[in-house]
């Protein structure tokens, strides 16, 4: 979701700010592993006594979110700024935005 929305922001197809895109993706990356874990626990047979592996799903989701969200945000913002700076044209010693 973050990559798609950031790409649309770079191409000018979305009016959302980068901050809103990144914060909403970060929050959903924190909430969704918890929801997935809860749903998975609800579907387990009562005969199973150890569910340690299910906790790994939540921890893996948190880890992926904490690592990838800032990386995607940084790369997207740098790409956006370079595209904005590339749209400027030097005319008679001053910059004109295209």
PDB file of N, CA and C in Angstrom:
ATOM      1  N   UNK A   1       0.824  -1.179   0.000  1.00  0.00           N
ATOM      2  CA  UNK A   1       0.000   0.000   0.000  1.00  0.00           C
ATOM      3  C   UNK A   1       0.876   1.253   0.000  1.00  0.00           C
ATOM      4  N   UNK A   2       1.936   1.236   0.777  1.00  0.00           N
ATOM      5  CA  UNK A   2       2.802   2.402   0.858  1.00  0.00           C
ATOM      6  C   UNK A   2       3.526   2.652  -0.456  1.00  0.00           C
ATOM      7  N   UNK A   3       3.980   1.614  -1.100  1.00  0.00           N
ATOM      8  CA  UNK A   3       4.690   1.779  -2.370  1.00  0.00           C
ATOM      9  C   UNK A   3       3.746   2.309  -3.438  1.00  0.00           C
ATOM     10  N   UNK A   4       2.543   1.776  -3.515  1.00  0.00           N
ATOM     11  CA  UNK A   4       1.573   2.207  -4.527  1.00  0.00           C
ATOM     12  C   UNK A   4       1.172   3.660  -4.302  1.00  0.00           C
ATOM     13  N   UNK A   5       0.822   4.022  -3.073  1.00  0.00           N
ATOM     14  CA  UNK A   5       0.412   5.399  -2.795  1.00  0.00           C
ATOM     15  C   UNK A   5       1.564   6.383  -2.982  1.00  0.00           C
ATOM     16  N   UNK A   6       2.765   5.997  -2.583  1.00  0.00           N
ATOM     17  CA  UNK A   6       3.923   6.872  -2.775  1.00  0.00           C
ATOM     18  C   UNK A   6       4.212   7.081  -4.257  1.00  0.00           C
ATOM     19  N   UNK A   7       4.074   6.013  -5.039  1.00  0.00           N
ATOM     20  CA  UNK A   7       4.290   6.130  -6.477  1.00  0.00           C
ATOM     21  C   UNK A   7       3.250   7.054  -7.114  1.00  0.00           C
ATOM     22  N   UNK A   8       2.015   6.915  -6.688  1.00  0.00           N
ATOM     23  CA  UNK A   8       0.968   7.798  -7.216  1.00  0.00           C
ATOM     24  C   UNK A   8       1.206   9.241  -6.785  1.00  0.00           C
ATOM     25  N   UNK A   9       1.732   9.460  -5.585  1.00  0.00           N
ATOM     26  CA  UNK A   9       2.056  10.805  -5.120  1.00  0.00           C
ATOM     27  C   UNK A   9       3.176  11.403  -5.962  1.00  0.00           C
ATOM     28  N   UNK A  10       4.177  10.616  -6.278  1.00  0.00           N
ATOM     29  CA  UNK A  10       5.295  11.090  -7.090  1.00  0.00           C
ATOM     30  C   UNK A  10       4.812  11.505  -8.469  1.00  0.00           C
ATOM     31  N   UNK A  11       3.867  10.772  -9.040  1.00  0.00           N
ATOM     32  CA  UNK A  11       3.365  11.078 -10.379  1.00  0.00           C
ATOM     33  C   UNK A  11       2.232  12.089 -10.354  1.00  0.00           C
ATOM     34  N   UNK A  12       1.853  12.571  -9.170  1.00  0.00           N
ATOM     35  CA  UNK A  12       0.836  13.608  -9.054  1.00  0.00           C
ATOM     36  C   UNK A  12      -0.593  13.121  -9.174  1.00  0.00           C
ATOM     37  N   UNK A  13      -0.833  11.830  -8.999  1.00  0.00           N
ATOM     38  CA  UNK A  13      -2.187  11.286  -9.137  1.00  0.00           C
ATOM     39  C   UNK A  13      -2.936  11.233  -7.808  1.00  0.00           C
ATOM     40  N   UNK A  14      -2.224  11.467  -6.695  1.00  0.00           N
ATOM     41  CA  UNK A  14      -2.825  11.440  -5.364  1.00  0.00           C
ATOM     42  C   UNK A  14      -2.455  12.735  -4.654  1.00  0.00           C
ATOM     43  N   UNK A  15      -3.416  13.324  -3.960  1.00  0.00           N
ATOM     44  CA  UNK A  15      -3.178  14.576  -3.242  1.00  0.00           C
ATOM     45  C   UNK A  15      -2.782  14.365  -1.785  1.00  0.00           C
ATOM     46  N   UNK A  16      -2.720  13.111  -1.319  1.00  0.00           N
ATOM     47  CA  UNK A  16      -2.337  12.839   0.056  1.00  0.00           C
ATOM     48  C   UNK A  16      -0.894  13.258   0.301  1.00  0.00           C
ATOM     49  N   UNK A  17      -0.588  13.662   1.525  1.00  0.00           N
ATOM     50  CA  UNK A  17       0.789  14.028   1.853  1.00  0.00           C
ATOM     51  C   UNK A  17       1.595  12.770   2.158  1.00  0.00           C
ATOM     52  N   UNK A  18       2.924  12.885   2.019  1.00  0.00           N
ATOM     53  CA  UNK A  18       3.782  11.750   2.331  1.00  0.00           C
ATOM     54  C   UNK A  18       3.672  11.373   3.804  1.00  0.00           C
ATOM     55  N   UNK A  19       3.504  12.355   4.663  1.00  0.00           N
ATOM     56  CA  UNK A  19       3.391  12.072   6.090  1.00  0.00           C
ATOM     57  C   UNK A  19       2.157  11.217   6.372  1.00  0.00           C
ATOM     58  N   UNK A  20       1.028  11.578   5.777  1.00  0.00           N
ATOM     59  CA  UNK A  20      -0.196  10.805   5.985  1.00  0.00           C
ATOM     60  C   UNK A  20      -0.039   9.385   5.445  1.00  0.00           C
ATOM     61  N   UNK A  21       0.535   9.253   4.258  1.00  0.00           N
ATOM     62  CA  UNK A  21       0.737   7.927   3.652  1.00  0.00           C
ATOM     63  C   UNK A  21       1.611   7.062   4.557  1.00  0.00           C
ATOM     64  N   UNK A  22       2.717   7.610   5.034  1.00  0.00           N
ATOM     65  CA  UNK A  22       3.661   6.826   5.819  1.00  0.00           C
ATOM     66  C   UNK A  22       3.125   6.497   7.208  1.00  0.00           C
ATOM     67  N   UNK A  23       2.462   7.441   7.848  1.00  0.00           N
ATOM     68  CA  UNK A  23       1.921   7.165   9.180  1.00  0.00           C
ATOM     69  C   UNK A  23       0.797   6.137   9.102  1.00  0.00           C
ATOM     70  N   UNK A  24      -0.079   6.262   8.106  1.00  0.00           N
ATOM     71  CA  UNK A  24      -1.169   5.286   7.995  1.00  0.00           C
ATOM     72  C   UNK A  24      -0.628   3.889   7.683  1.00  0.00           C
ATOM     73  N   UNK A  25       0.391   3.791   6.864  1.00  0.00           N
ATOM     74  CA  UNK A  25       0.984   2.485   6.573  1.00  0.00           C
ATOM     75  C   UNK A  25       1.708   1.921   7.793  1.00  0.00           C
ATOM     76  N   UNK A  26       2.359   2.779   8.562  1.00  0.00           N
ATOM     77  CA  UNK A  26       3.033   2.314   9.767  1.00  0.00           C
ATOM     78  C   UNK A  26       2.024   1.798  10.787  1.00  0.00           C
ATOM     79  N   UNK A  27       0.955   2.551  10.999  1.00  0.00           N
ATOM     80  CA  UNK A  27      -0.067   2.125  11.956  1.00  0.00           C
ATOM     81  C   UNK A  27      -0.759   0.832  11.514  1.00  0.00           C
ATOM     82  N   UNK A  28      -1.057   0.728  10.218  1.00  0.00           N
ATOM     83  CA  UNK A  28      -1.675  -0.509   9.751  1.00  0.00           C
ATOM     84  C   UNK A  28      -0.700  -1.680   9.845  1.00  0.00           C
ATOM     85  N   UNK A  29       0.596  -1.400   9.705  1.00  0.00           N
ATOM     86  CA  UNK A  29       1.603  -2.447   9.863  1.00  0.00           C
ATOM     87  C   UNK A  29       1.754  -2.907  11.299  1.00  0.00           C
ATOM     88  N   UNK A  30       1.352  -2.076  12.247  1.00  0.00           N
ATOM     89  CA  UNK A  30       1.371  -2.461  13.653  1.00  0.00           C
ATOM     90  C   UNK A  30       0.078  -3.197  14.020  1.00  0.00           C
ATOM     91  N   UNK A  31      -1.045  -2.730  13.509  1.00  0.00           N
ATOM     92  CA  UNK A  31      -2.347  -3.293  13.875  1.00  0.00           C
ATOM     93  C   UNK A  31      -2.621  -4.630  13.178  1.00  0.00           C
ATOM     94  N   UNK A  32      -2.319  -4.743  11.897  1.00  0.00           N
ATOM     95  CA  UNK A  32      -2.666  -5.950  11.146  1.00  0.00           C
ATOM     96  C   UNK A  32      -2.003  -7.234  11.651  1.00  0.00           C
ATOM     97  N   UNK A  33      -0.741  -7.237  12.080  1.00  0.00           N
ATOM     98  CA  UNK A  33      -0.203  -8.484  12.647  1.00  0.00           C
ATOM     99  C   UNK A  33      -0.939  -8.917  13.916  1.00  0.00           C
ATOM    100  N   UNK A  34      -1.388  -7.951  14.709  1.00  0.00           N
ATOM    101  CA  UNK A  34      -2.167  -8.304  15.901  1.00  0.00           C
ATOM    102  C   UNK A  34      -3.506  -8.918  15.523  1.00  0.00           C
ATOM    103  N   UNK A  35      -4.166  -8.337  14.533  1.00  0.00           N
ATOM    104  CA  UNK A  35      -5.449  -8.868  14.074  1.00  0.00           C
ATOM    105  C   UNK A  35      -5.262 -10.264  13.482  1.00  0.00           C
ATOM    106  N   UNK A  36      -4.226 -10.435  12.678  1.00  0.00           N
ATOM    107  CA  UNK A  36      -3.969 -11.745  12.070  1.00  0.00           C
ATOM    108  C   UNK A  36      -3.684 -12.801  13.137  1.00  0.00           C
ATOM    109  N   UNK A  37      -2.925 -12.413  14.159  1.00  0.00           N
ATOM    110  CA  UNK A  37      -2.632 -13.341  15.247  1.00  0.00           C
ATOM    111  C   UNK A  37      -3.900 -13.720  15.997  1.00  0.00           C
ATOM    112  N   UNK A  38      -4.747 -12.755  16.277  1.00  0.00           N
ATOM    113  CA  UNK A  38      -6.006 -13.011  16.978  1.00  0.00           C
ATOM    114  C   UNK A  38      -6.906 -13.952  16.165  1.00  0.00           C
ATOM    115  N   UNK A  39      -7.011 -13.703  14.867  1.00  0.00           N
ATOM    116  CA  UNK A  39      -7.826 -14.567  14.002  1.00  0.00           C
ATOM    117  C   UNK A  39      -7.245 -15.980  13.955  1.00  0.00           C
ATOM    118  N   UNK A  40      -5.931 -16.068  13.866  1.00  0.00           N
ATOM    119  CA  UNK A  40      -5.280 -17.375  13.806  1.00  0.00           C
ATOM    120  C   UNK A  40      -5.488 -18.150  15.100  1.00  0.00           C
ATOM    121  N   UNK A  41      -5.394 -17.467  16.239  1.00  0.00           N
ATOM    122  CA  UNK A  41      -5.605 -18.128  17.534  1.00  0.00           C
ATOM    123  C   UNK A  41      -7.045 -18.620  17.657  1.00  0.00           C
ATOM    124  N   UNK A  42      -7.996 -17.844  17.135  1.00  0.00           N
ATOM    125  CA  UNK A  42      -9.401 -18.247  17.191  1.00  0.00           C
ATOM    126  C   UNK A  42      -9.703 -19.489  16.377  1.00  0.00           C
ATOM    127  N   UNK A  43      -8.907 -19.765  15.369  1.00  0.00           N
ATOM    128  CA  UNK A  43      -9.153 -20.918  14.512  1.00  0.00           C
ATOM    129  C   UNK A  43      -8.427 -22.175  14.920  1.00  0.00           C
ATOM    130  N   UNK A  44      -7.676 -22.120  15.996  1.00  0.00           N
ATOM    131  CA  UNK A  44      -6.906 -23.287  16.426  1.00  0.00           C
ATOM    132  C   UNK A  44      -7.779 -24.231  17.244  1.00  0.00           C
ATOM    133  N   UNK A  45      -7.536 -25.490  17.064  1.00  0.00           N
ATOM    134  CA  UNK A  45      -8.246 -26.536  17.809  1.00  0.00           C
ATOM    135  C   UNK A  45      -7.914 -26.439  19.300  1.00  0.00           C
ATOM    136  N   UNK A  46      -8.886 -26.710  20.159  1.00  0.00           N
ATOM    137  CA  UNK A  46      -8.617 -26.672  21.602  1.00  0.00           C
ATOM    138  C   UNK A  46      -7.627 -27.743  22.071  1.00  0.00           C
ATOM    139  N   UNK A  47      -7.369 -28.726  21.235  1.00  0.00           N
ATOM    140  CA  UNK A  47      -6.428 -29.778  21.602  1.00  0.00           C
ATOM    141  C   UNK A  47      -4.973 -29.289  21.601  1.00  0.00           C
ATOM    142  N   UNK A  48      -4.708 -28.222  20.863  1.00  0.00           N
ATOM    143  CA  UNK A  48      -3.343 -27.701  20.773  1.00  0.00           C
ATOM    144  C   UNK A  48      -3.066 -26.837  21.998  1.00  0.00           C
ATOM    145  N   UNK A  49      -1.974 -27.138  22.683  1.00  0.00           N
ATOM    146  CA  UNK A  49      -1.663 -26.444  23.922  1.00  0.00           C
ATOM    147  C   UNK A  49      -0.569 -25.383  23.747  1.00  0.00           C
ATOM    148  N   UNK A  50       0.285 -25.522  22.770  1.00  0.00           N
ATOM    149  CA  UNK A  50       1.398 -24.591  22.581  1.00  0.00           C
ATOM    150  C   UNK A  50       1.173 -23.774  21.315  1.00  0.00           C
ATOM    151  N   UNK A  51       1.138 -22.471  21.454  1.00  0.00           N
ATOM    152  CA  UNK A  51       0.933 -21.599  20.286  1.00  0.00           C
ATOM    153  C   UNK A  51       2.090 -20.614  20.127  1.00  0.00           C
ATOM    154  N   UNK A  52       3.274 -21.029  20.516  1.00  0.00           N
ATOM    155  CA  UNK A  52       4.443 -20.158  20.442  1.00  0.00           C
ATOM    156  C   UNK A  52       4.717 -19.704  19.007  1.00  0.00           C
ATOM    157  N   UNK A  53       4.481 -20.546  18.043  1.00  0.00           N
ATOM    158  CA  UNK A  53       4.741 -20.183  16.648  1.00  0.00           C
ATOM    159  C   UNK A  53       3.869 -19.045  16.157  1.00  0.00           C
ATOM    160  N   UNK A  54       2.701 -18.903  16.741  1.00  0.00           N
ATOM    161  CA  UNK A  54       1.800 -17.831  16.327  1.00  0.00           C
ATOM    162  C   UNK A  54       2.350 -16.471  16.744  1.00  0.00           C
ATOM    163  N   UNK A  55       3.025 -16.417  17.856  1.00  0.00           N
ATOM    164  CA  UNK A  55       3.619 -15.156  18.300  1.00  0.00           C
ATOM    165  C   UNK A  55       4.685 -14.674  17.324  1.00  0.00           C
ATOM    166  N   UNK A  56       5.332 -15.610  16.676  1.00  0.00           N
ATOM    167  CA  UNK A  56       6.358 -15.252  15.692  1.00  0.00           C
ATOM    168  C   UNK A  56       5.733 -14.492  14.526  1.00  0.00           C
ATOM    169  N   UNK A  57       4.501 -14.822  14.172  1.00  0.00           N
ATOM    170  CA  UNK A  57       3.823 -14.109  13.084  1.00  0.00           C
ATOM    171  C   UNK A  57       3.687 -12.626  13.434  1.00  0.00           C
ATOM    172  N   UNK A  58       3.255 -12.327  14.638  1.00  0.00           N
ATOM    173  CA  UNK A  58       3.109 -10.939  15.065  1.00  0.00           C
ATOM    174  C   UNK A  58       4.468 -10.244  15.128  1.00  0.00           C
ATOM    175  N   UNK A  59       5.468 -10.896  15.710  1.00  0.00           N
ATOM    176  CA  UNK A  59       6.795 -10.294  15.811  1.00  0.00           C
ATOM    177  C   UNK A  59       7.418 -10.058  14.441  1.00  0.00           C
ATOM    178  N   UNK A  60       7.215 -11.000  13.532  1.00  0.00           N
ATOM    179  CA  UNK A  60       7.729 -10.835  12.176  1.00  0.00           C
ATOM    180  C   UNK A  60       7.041  -9.659  11.474  1.00  0.00           C
ATOM    181  N   UNK A  61       5.738  -9.534  11.673  1.00  0.00           N
ATOM    182  CA  UNK A  61       5.012  -8.406  11.098  1.00  0.00           C
ATOM    183  C   UNK A  61       5.497  -7.077  11.643  1.00  0.00           C
ATOM    184  N   UNK A  62       5.738  -7.012  12.958  1.00  0.00           N
ATOM    185  CA  UNK A  62       6.267  -5.786  13.562  1.00  0.00           C
ATOM    186  C   UNK A  62       7.649  -5.461  13.004  1.00  0.00           C
ATOM    187  N   UNK A  63       8.495  -6.472  12.919  1.00  0.00           N
ATOM    188  CA  UNK A  63       9.854  -6.269  12.426  1.00  0.00           C
ATOM    189  C   UNK A  63       9.855  -5.761  10.990  1.00  0.00           C
ATOM    190  N   UNK A  64       9.061  -6.382  10.144  1.00  0.00           N
ATOM    191  CA  UNK A  64       8.982  -5.952   8.745  1.00  0.00           C
ATOM    192  C   UNK A  64       8.493  -4.511   8.658  1.00  0.00           C
ATOM    193  N   UNK A  65       7.498  -4.163   9.455  1.00  0.00           N
ATOM    194  CA  UNK A  65       6.971  -2.802   9.457  1.00  0.00           C
ATOM    195  C   UNK A  65       8.018  -1.800   9.915  1.00  0.00           C
ATOM    196  N   UNK A  66       8.690  -2.094  10.998  1.00  0.00           N
ATOM    197  CA  UNK A  66       9.672  -1.162  11.563  1.00  0.00           C
ATOM    198  C   UNK A  66      10.859  -0.962  10.631  1.00  0.00           C
ATOM    199  N   UNK A  67      11.234  -1.987   9.887  1.00  0.00           N
ATOM    200  CA  UNK A  67      12.379  -1.883   8.981  1.00  0.00           C
ATOM    201  C   UNK A  67      11.995  -1.268   7.642  1.00  0.00           C
ATOM    202  N   UNK A  68      10.917  -1.751   7.031  1.00  0.00           N
ATOM    203  CA  UNK A  68      10.636  -1.346   5.656  1.00  0.00           C
ATOM    204  C   UNK A  68       9.920   0.003   5.525  1.00  0.00           C
ATOM    205  N   UNK A  69       9.085   0.373   6.477  1.00  0.00           N
ATOM    206  CA  UNK A  69       8.341   1.631   6.348  1.00  0.00           C
ATOM    207  C   UNK A  69       9.279   2.841   6.246  1.00  0.00           C
ATOM    208  N   UNK A  70      10.272   2.999   7.125  1.00  0.00           N
ATOM    209  CA  UNK A  70      11.174   4.150   6.963  1.00  0.00           C
ATOM    210  C   UNK A  70      12.003   4.095   5.680  1.00  0.00           C
ATOM    211  N   UNK A  71      12.387   2.897   5.258  1.00  0.00           N
ATOM    212  CA  UNK A  71      13.178   2.785   4.027  1.00  0.00           C
ATOM    213  C   UNK A  71      12.343   3.218   2.825  1.00  0.00           C
ATOM    214  N   UNK A  72      11.128   2.707   2.720  1.00  0.00           N
ATOM    215  CA  UNK A  72      10.250   3.085   1.607  1.00  0.00           C
ATOM    216  C   UNK A  72       9.944   4.574   1.654  1.00  0.00           C
ATOM    217  N   UNK A  73       9.707   5.112   2.843  1.00  0.00           N
ATOM    218  CA  UNK A  73       9.403   6.538   2.979  1.00  0.00           C
ATOM    219  C   UNK A  73      10.577   7.392   2.517  1.00  0.00           C
ATOM    220  N   UNK A  74      11.782   7.034   2.910  1.00  0.00           N
ATOM    221  CA  UNK A  74      12.966   7.805   2.530  1.00  0.00           C
ATOM    222  C   UNK A  74      13.203   7.760   1.028  1.00  0.00           C
ATOM    223  N   UNK A  75      13.149   6.578   0.456  1.00  0.00           N
ATOM    224  CA  UNK A  75      13.377   6.436  -0.985  1.00  0.00           C
ATOM    225  C   UNK A  75      12.300   7.174  -1.782  1.00  0.00           C
ATOM    226  N   UNK A  76      11.060   7.059  -1.359  1.00  0.00           N
ATOM    227  CA  UNK A  76       9.966   7.734  -2.059  1.00  0.00           C
ATOM    228  C   UNK A  76      10.101   9.244  -1.978  1.00  0.00           C
ATOM    229  N   UNK A  77      10.456   9.743  -0.800  1.00  0.00           N
ATOM    230  CA  UNK A  77      10.593  11.190  -0.644  1.00  0.00           C
ATOM    231  C   UNK A  77      11.757  11.726  -1.465  1.00  0.00           C
ATOM    232  N   UNK A  78      12.875  11.019  -1.487  1.00  0.00           N
ATOM    233  CA  UNK A  78      14.014  11.445  -2.304  1.00  0.00           C
ATOM    234  C   UNK A  78      13.634  11.432  -3.779  1.00  0.00           C
ATOM    235  N   UNK A  79      12.921  10.411  -4.214  1.00  0.00           N
ATOM    236  CA  UNK A  79      12.471  10.334  -5.595  1.00  0.00           C
ATOM    237  C   UNK A  79      11.523  11.481  -5.923  1.00  0.00           C
ATOM    238  N   UNK A  80      10.614  11.799  -5.016  1.00  0.00           N
ATOM    239  CA  UNK A  80       9.666  12.893  -5.209  1.00  0.00           C
ATOM    240  C   UNK A  80      10.394  14.226  -5.308  1.00  0.00           C
ATOM    241  N   UNK A  81      11.332  14.473  -4.400  1.00  0.00           N
ATOM    242  CA  UNK A  81      12.067  15.748  -4.413  1.00  0.00           C
ATOM    243  C   UNK A  81      12.927  15.875  -5.669  1.00  0.00           C
ATOM    244  N   UNK A  82      13.547  14.787  -6.105  1.00  0.00           N
ATOM    245  CA  UNK A  82      14.373  14.867  -7.311  1.00  0.00           C
ATOM    246  C   UNK A  82      13.511  15.116  -8.538  1.00  0.00           C
ATOM    247  N   UNK A  83      12.303  14.555  -8.550  1.00  0.00           N
ATOM    248  CA  UNK A  83      11.409  14.816  -9.674  1.00  0.00           C
ATOM    249  C   UNK A  83      10.945  16.270  -9.658  1.00  0.00           C
ATOM    250  N   UNK A  84      10.657  16.810  -8.470  1.00  0.00           N
ATOM    251  CA  UNK A  84      10.245  18.203  -8.367  1.00  0.00           C
ATOM    252  C   UNK A  84      11.369  19.141  -8.799  1.00  0.00           C
ATOM    253  N   UNK A  85      12.599  18.837  -8.408  1.00  0.00           N
ATOM    254  CA  UNK A  85      13.735  19.666  -8.805  1.00  0.00           C
ATOM    255  C   UNK A  85      14.045  19.511 -10.284  1.00  0.00           C
ATOM    256  N   UNK A  86      13.757  18.366 -10.866  1.00  0.00           N
ATOM    257  CA  UNK A  86      13.991  18.146 -12.286  1.00  0.00           C
ATOM    258  C   UNK A  86      12.989  18.857 -13.173  1.00  0.00           C
ATOM    259  N   UNK A  87      11.857  19.292 -12.603  1.00  0.00           N
ATOM    260  CA  UNK A  87      10.835  19.977 -13.380  1.00  0.00           C
ATOM    261  C   UNK A  87      11.101  21.467 -13.484  1.00  0.00           C
ATOM    262  N   UNK A  88      12.168  21.937 -12.859  1.00  0.00           N
ATOM    263  CA  UNK A  88      12.506  23.344 -12.937  1.00  0.00           C
ATOM    264  C   UNK A  88      13.378  23.581 -14.169  1.00  0.00           C
ATOM    265  N   UNK A  89      13.168  24.684 -14.821  1.00  0.00           N
ATOM    266  CA  UNK A  89      13.894  25.027 -16.043  1.00  0.00           C
ATOM    267  C   UNK A  89      14.587  26.360 -15.837  1.00  0.00           C
ATOM    268  N   UNK A  90      15.877  26.417 -16.167  1.00  0.00           N
ATOM    269  CA  UNK A  90      16.622  27.657 -16.032  1.00  0.00           C
ATOM    270  C   UNK A  90      16.322  28.528 -17.242  1.00  0.00           C
ATOM    271  N   UNK A  91      15.812  29.732 -17.005  1.00  0.00           N
ATOM    272  CA  UNK A  91      15.452  30.643 -18.081  1.00  0.00           C
ATOM    273  C   UNK A  91      15.902  32.045 -17.697  1.00  0.00           C
ATOM    274  N   UNK A  92      16.856  32.618 -18.460  1.00  0.00           N
ATOM    275  CA  UNK A  92      17.393  33.947 -18.205  1.00  0.00           C
ATOM    276  C   UNK A  92      17.987  34.084 -16.804  1.00  0.00           C
ATOM    277  N   UNK A  93      18.672  33.073 -16.346  1.00  0.00           N
ATOM    278  CA  UNK A  93      19.330  33.128 -15.044  1.00  0.00           C
ATOM    279  C   UNK A  93      18.431  32.855 -13.849  1.00  0.00           C
ATOM    280  N   UNK A  94      17.151  32.580 -14.083  1.00  0.00           N
ATOM    281  CA  UNK A  94      16.255  32.275 -12.958  1.00  0.00           C
ATOM    282  C   UNK A  94      15.501  30.983 -13.276  1.00  0.00           C
ATOM    283  N   UNK A  95      15.057  30.323 -12.216  1.00  0.00           N
ATOM    284  CA  UNK A  95      14.315  29.063 -12.381  1.00  0.00           C
ATOM    285  C   UNK A  95      12.852  29.335 -12.609  1.00  0.00           C
ATOM    286  N   UNK A  96      12.286  28.578 -13.537  1.00  0.00           N
ATOM    287  CA  UNK A  96      10.852  28.639 -13.817  1.00  0.00           C
ATOM    288  C   UNK A  96      10.326  27.217 -13.655  1.00  0.00           C
ATOM    289  N   UNK A  97       9.311  27.049 -12.842  1.00  0.00           N
ATOM    290  CA  UNK A  97       8.725  25.714 -12.667  1.00  0.00           C
ATOM    291  C   UNK A  97       7.843  25.372 -13.849  1.00  0.00           C
ATOM    292  N   UNK A  98       7.979  24.147 -14.328  1.00  0.00           N
ATOM    293  CA  UNK A  98       7.151  23.687 -15.444  1.00  0.00           C
ATOM    294  C   UNK A  98       5.934  22.964 -14.942  1.00  0.00           C
TER     295      UNK A  98
END
